[in-house]
C-alpha atoms as a PDB file:
ATOM      1  CA  MET A   1     206.307 165.502  75.299  1.00  0.00           C
ATOM      2  CA  ALA A   2     202.593 165.214  74.570  1.00  0.00           C
ATOM      3  CA  ARG A   3     201.010 167.525  72.056  1.00  0.00           C
ATOM      4  CA  GLN A   4     198.254 169.821  73.437  1.00  0.00           C
ATOM      5  CA  ARG A   5     194.885 169.901  71.746  1.00  0.00           C
ATOM      6  CA  GLY A   6     192.900 173.088  71.103  1.00  0.00           C
ATOM      7  CA  PHE A   7     192.523 176.067  68.775  1.00  0.00           C
ATOM      8  CA  THR A   8     195.161 178.585  67.898  1.00  0.00           C
ATOM      9  CA  LEU A   9     194.537 182.301  68.285  1.00  0.00           C
ATOM     10  CA  ILE A  10     194.450 182.724  64.495  1.00  0.00           C
ATOM     11  CA  GLU A  11     191.710 180.108  64.127  1.00  0.00           C
ATOM     12  CA  LEU A  12     189.607 181.783  66.822  1.00  0.00           C
ATOM     13  CA  MET A  13     190.049 185.204  65.187  1.00  0.00           C
ATOM     14  CA  ILE A  14     188.914 183.813  61.829  1.00  0.00           C
ATOM     15  CA  VAL A  15     185.784 182.301  63.410  1.00  0.00           C
ATOM     16  CA  VAL A  16     184.979 185.589  65.188  1.00  0.00           C
ATOM     17  CA  ALA A  17     185.454 187.542  61.945  1.00  0.00           C
ATOM     18  CA  VAL A  18     183.106 185.225  60.017  1.00  0.00           C
ATOM     19  CA  ILE A  19     180.460 185.505  62.752  1.00  0.00           C
ATOM     20  CA  ALA A  20     180.777 189.314  62.745  1.00  0.00           C
ATOM     21  CA  ILE A  21     180.305 189.472  58.965  1.00  0.00           C
ATOM     22  CA  LEU A  22     177.214 187.250  59.150  1.00  0.00           C
ATOM     23  CA  ALA A  23     175.812 189.372  62.003  1.00  0.00           C
ATOM     24  CA  VAL A  24     176.211 192.604  60.012  1.00  0.00           C
ATOM     25  CA  ILE A  25     174.387 191.080  57.045  1.00  0.00           C
ATOM     26  CA  ALA A  26     171.594 189.699  59.251  1.00  0.00           C
ATOM     27  CA  VAL A  27     171.049 192.970  61.157  1.00  0.00           C
ATOM     28  CA  SER A  28     170.861 195.115  58.003  1.00  0.00           C
ATOM     29  CA  SER A  29     168.441 192.657  56.411  1.00  0.00           C
ATOM     30  CA  TYR A  30     166.306 192.666  59.561  1.00  0.00           C
ATOM     31  CA  LYS A  31     166.185 196.479  59.656  1.00  0.00           C
ATOM     32  CA  GLU A  32     165.076 196.640  56.016  1.00  0.00           C
ATOM     33  CA  GLN A  33     162.276 194.153  56.691  1.00  0.00           C
ATOM     34  CA  VAL A  34     161.105 196.202  59.680  1.00  0.00           C
ATOM     35  CA  HIS A  35     161.048 199.376  57.528  1.00  0.00           C
ATOM     36  CA  LYS A  36     159.197 197.465  54.827  1.00  0.00           C
ATOM     37  CA  SER A  37     156.462 196.334  57.229  1.00  0.00           C
ATOM     38  CA  ARG A  38     156.049 199.883  58.552  1.00  0.00           C
ATOM     39  CA  ARG A  39     155.787 201.203  54.981  1.00  0.00           C
ATOM     40  CA  ALA A  40     153.061 198.635  54.284  1.00  0.00           C
ATOM     41  CA  SER A  41     151.150 199.874  57.316  1.00  0.00           C
ATOM     42  CA  ALA A  42     151.408 203.511  56.153  1.00  0.00           C
ATOM     43  CA  TYR A  43     150.349 202.536  52.631  1.00  0.00           C
ATOM     44  CA  ASN A  44     147.317 200.737  54.043  1.00  0.00           C
ATOM     45  CA  ASP A  45     146.414 203.755  56.197  1.00  0.00           C
ATOM     46  CA  ILE A  46     146.543 206.117  53.203  1.00  0.00           C
ATOM     47  CA  ALA A  47     144.526 203.698  51.041  1.00  0.00           C
ATOM     48  CA  GLN A  48     141.868 203.402  53.757  1.00  0.00           C
ATOM     49  CA  LEU A  49     141.779 207.188  54.093  1.00  0.00           C
ATOM     50  CA  GLN A  50     141.279 207.472  50.327  1.00  0.00           C
ATOM     51  CA  LEU A  51     138.341 205.060  50.504  1.00  0.00           C
ATOM     52  CA  GLN A  52     136.791 207.030  53.358  1.00  0.00           C
ATOM     53  CA  LEU A  53     137.195 210.310  51.458  1.00  0.00           C
ATOM     54  CA  GLU A  54     135.591 208.769  48.367  1.00  0.00           C
ATOM     55  CA  ARG A  55     132.722 207.550  50.526  1.00  0.00           C
ATOM     56  CA  TRP A  56     132.392 211.067  52.004  1.00  0.00           C
ATOM     57  CA  ARG A  57     132.431 212.660  48.535  1.00  0.00           C
ATOM     58  CA  ALA A  58     129.758 210.274  47.264  1.00  0.00           C
ATOM     59  CA  GLU A  59     127.345 211.669  49.850  1.00  0.00           C
ATOM     60  CA  ASN A  60     128.537 215.301  49.992  1.00  0.00           C
ATOM     61  CA  PRO A  61     129.267 218.133  47.549  1.00  0.00           C
ATOM     62  CA  SER A  62     133.015 218.297  48.278  1.00  0.00           C
ATOM     63  CA  TYR A  63     136.034 216.314  49.503  1.00  0.00           C
ATOM     64  CA  ALA A  64     136.715 219.134  51.939  1.00  0.00           C
ATOM     65  CA  ARG A  65     134.975 219.330  55.282  1.00  0.00           C
ATOM     66  CA  CYS A  66     132.468 222.156  55.508  1.00  0.00           C
ATOM     67  CA  SER A  67     133.053 224.931  58.016  1.00  0.00           C
ATOM     68  CA  PRO A  68     131.911 225.877  60.621  1.00  0.00           C
ATOM     69  CA  THR A  69     129.296 223.114  60.801  1.00  0.00           C
ATOM     70  CA  PRO A  70     129.296 219.786  58.999  1.00  0.00           C
ATOM     71  CA  CYS A  71     127.484 219.780  55.703  1.00  0.00           C
ATOM     72  CA  GLY A  72     125.777 216.840  54.107  1.00  0.00           C
ATOM     73  CA  SER A  73     125.588 213.460  55.740  1.00  0.00           C
ATOM     74  CA  GLY A  74     127.966 210.904  57.160  1.00  0.00           C
ATOM     75  CA  THR A  75     131.060 211.168  59.307  1.00  0.00           C
ATOM     76  CA  TYR A  76     134.140 212.923  57.970  1.00  0.00           C
ATOM     77  CA  PRO A  77     137.163 210.577  57.866  1.00  0.00           C
ATOM     78  CA  ALA A  78     139.381 210.548  60.950  1.00  0.00           C
ATOM     79  CA  ARG A  79     143.151 210.776  60.806  1.00  0.00           C
ATOM     80  CA  PRO A  80     144.843 207.384  61.281  1.00  0.00           C
ATOM     81  CA  THR A  81     147.283 206.887  64.143  1.00  0.00           C
ATOM     82  CA  ASN A  82     150.694 205.371  63.565  1.00  0.00           C
ATOM     83  CA  ASN A  83     153.892 205.558  65.658  1.00  0.00           C
ATOM     84  CA  TYR A  84     156.152 205.739  62.598  1.00  0.00           C
ATOM     85  CA  TYR A  85     154.294 208.083  60.216  1.00  0.00           C
ATOM     86  CA  THR A  86     152.387 211.333  60.640  1.00  0.00           C
ATOM     87  CA  TYR A  87     149.285 212.044  58.593  1.00  0.00           C
ATOM     88  CA  PRO A  88     147.547 215.308  57.702  1.00  0.00           C
ATOM     89  CA  ALA A  89     145.187 216.736  60.285  1.00  0.00           C
ATOM     90  CA  MET A  90     141.648 216.014  59.153  1.00  0.00           C
ATOM     91  CA  THR A  91     140.322 219.510  59.703  1.00  0.00           C
ATOM     92  CA  VAL A  92     139.197 222.219  57.320  1.00  0.00           C
ATOM     93  CA  ALA A  93     142.703 223.694  57.084  1.00  0.00           C
ATOM     94  CA  GLY A  94     144.745 220.508  57.643  1.00  0.00           C
ATOM     95  CA  ILE A  95     143.797 218.271  54.750  1.00  0.00           C
ATOM     96  CA  SER A  96     144.536 219.591  51.318  1.00  0.00           C
ATOM     97  CA  ALA A  97     141.100 219.029  49.823  1.00  0.00           C
ATOM     98  CA  THR A  98     138.898 220.942  47.422  1.00  0.00           C
ATOM     99  CA  ALA A  99     135.529 220.157  45.907  1.00  0.00           C
ATOM    100  CA  THR A 100     137.112 217.938  43.258  1.00  0.00           C
ATOM    101  CA  SER A 101     140.467 216.679  44.593  1.00  0.00           C
ATOM    102  CA  TYR A 102     142.615 215.984  47.657  1.00  0.00           C
ATOM    103  CA  THR A 103     146.230 215.299  48.612  1.00  0.00           C
ATOM    104  CA  LEU A 104     147.229 212.967  51.444  1.00  0.00           C
ATOM    105  CA  THR A 105     150.733 212.472  52.812  1.00  0.00           C
ATOM    106  CA  ALA A 106     152.364 210.066  55.245  1.00  0.00           C
ATOM    107  CA  THR A 107     155.617 211.529  56.584  1.00  0.00           C
ATOM    108  CA  PRO A 108     158.124 209.264  58.374  1.00  0.00           C
ATOM    109  CA  GLN A 109     158.918 210.065  61.989  1.00  0.00           C
ATOM    110  CA  GLY A 110     160.888 208.560  64.856  1.00  0.00           C
ATOM    111  CA  ALA A 111     162.580 205.242  64.071  1.00  0.00           C
ATOM    112  CA  GLN A 112     161.306 205.371  60.474  1.00  0.00           C
ATOM    113  CA  LEU A 113     163.183 208.605  59.625  1.00  0.00           C
ATOM    114  CA  GLY A 114     166.107 206.755  58.060  1.00  0.00           C
ATOM    115  CA  ASP A 115     163.894 204.903  55.600  1.00  0.00           C
ATOM    116  CA  ARG A 116     164.999 205.129  51.967  1.00  0.00           C
ATOM    117  CA  CYS A 117     161.453 205.568  50.634  1.00  0.00           C
ATOM    118  CA  GLY A 118     160.645 208.900  52.285  1.00  0.00           C
ATOM    119  CA  VAL A 119     157.168 210.450  52.092  1.00  0.00           C
ATOM    120  CA  LEU A 120     154.082 208.634  50.778  1.00  0.00           C
ATOM    121  CA  THR A 121     151.726 210.857  48.763  1.00  0.00           C
ATOM    122  CA  ALA A 122     148.280 210.226  47.309  1.00  0.00           C
ATOM    123  CA  ASN A 123     146.779 212.771  44.925  1.00  0.00           C
ATOM    124  CA  GLY A 124     143.083 212.297  44.308  1.00  0.00           C
ATOM    125  CA  ASN A 125     142.017 208.735  43.691  1.00  0.00           C
ATOM    126  CA  ALA A 126     145.389 207.766  42.146  1.00  0.00           C
ATOM    127  CA  LYS A 127     147.587 205.050  43.627  1.00  0.00           C
ATOM    128  CA  PRO A 128     149.756 206.344  46.515  1.00  0.00           C
ATOM    129  CA  THR A 129     153.437 206.740  45.588  1.00  0.00           C
ATOM    130  CA  TRP A 130     156.653 206.937  47.620  1.00  0.00           C
ATOM    131  CA  GLY A 131     159.053 209.850  47.249  1.00  0.00           C
ATOM    132  CA  GLY A 132     162.193 207.668  47.310  1.00  0.00           C
ATOM    133  CA  THR A 133     163.612 205.691  44.421  1.00  0.00           C
ATOM    134  CA  GLY A 134     162.926 201.992  44.016  1.00  0.00           C
ATOM    135  CA  CYS A 135     159.960 202.000  46.392  1.00  0.00           C
ATOM    136  CA  ASN A 136     156.913 202.188  44.088  1.00  0.00           C
END
């Protein structure tokens, strides 16, 4: 009787298990890299907003926007748009700004809600910091 060639069920199950383990590792690594790139985009948005507010303050008496009509010169910074973070409304009541300081926040939304870093906050002209651990 001739011996048949092929794989046993045990060998196939071992191969499938190894592939499943590698897939789990690859998917989690991919998700973390996607979150990381979105965090970089939010960080860049907040940094740009800080620069615009500093530019505004250099030409005007306050970081806050004057009400009811614009005071001073220049264009008040516009709120950035991002599908994964929300930013403060750039109105008199929306941005937390006084004559000498401001606070900006980027809050995760949608697919970014599960991110370990949480909310990005910038107080005054200091470096923006993340609310989560191990993210700054």
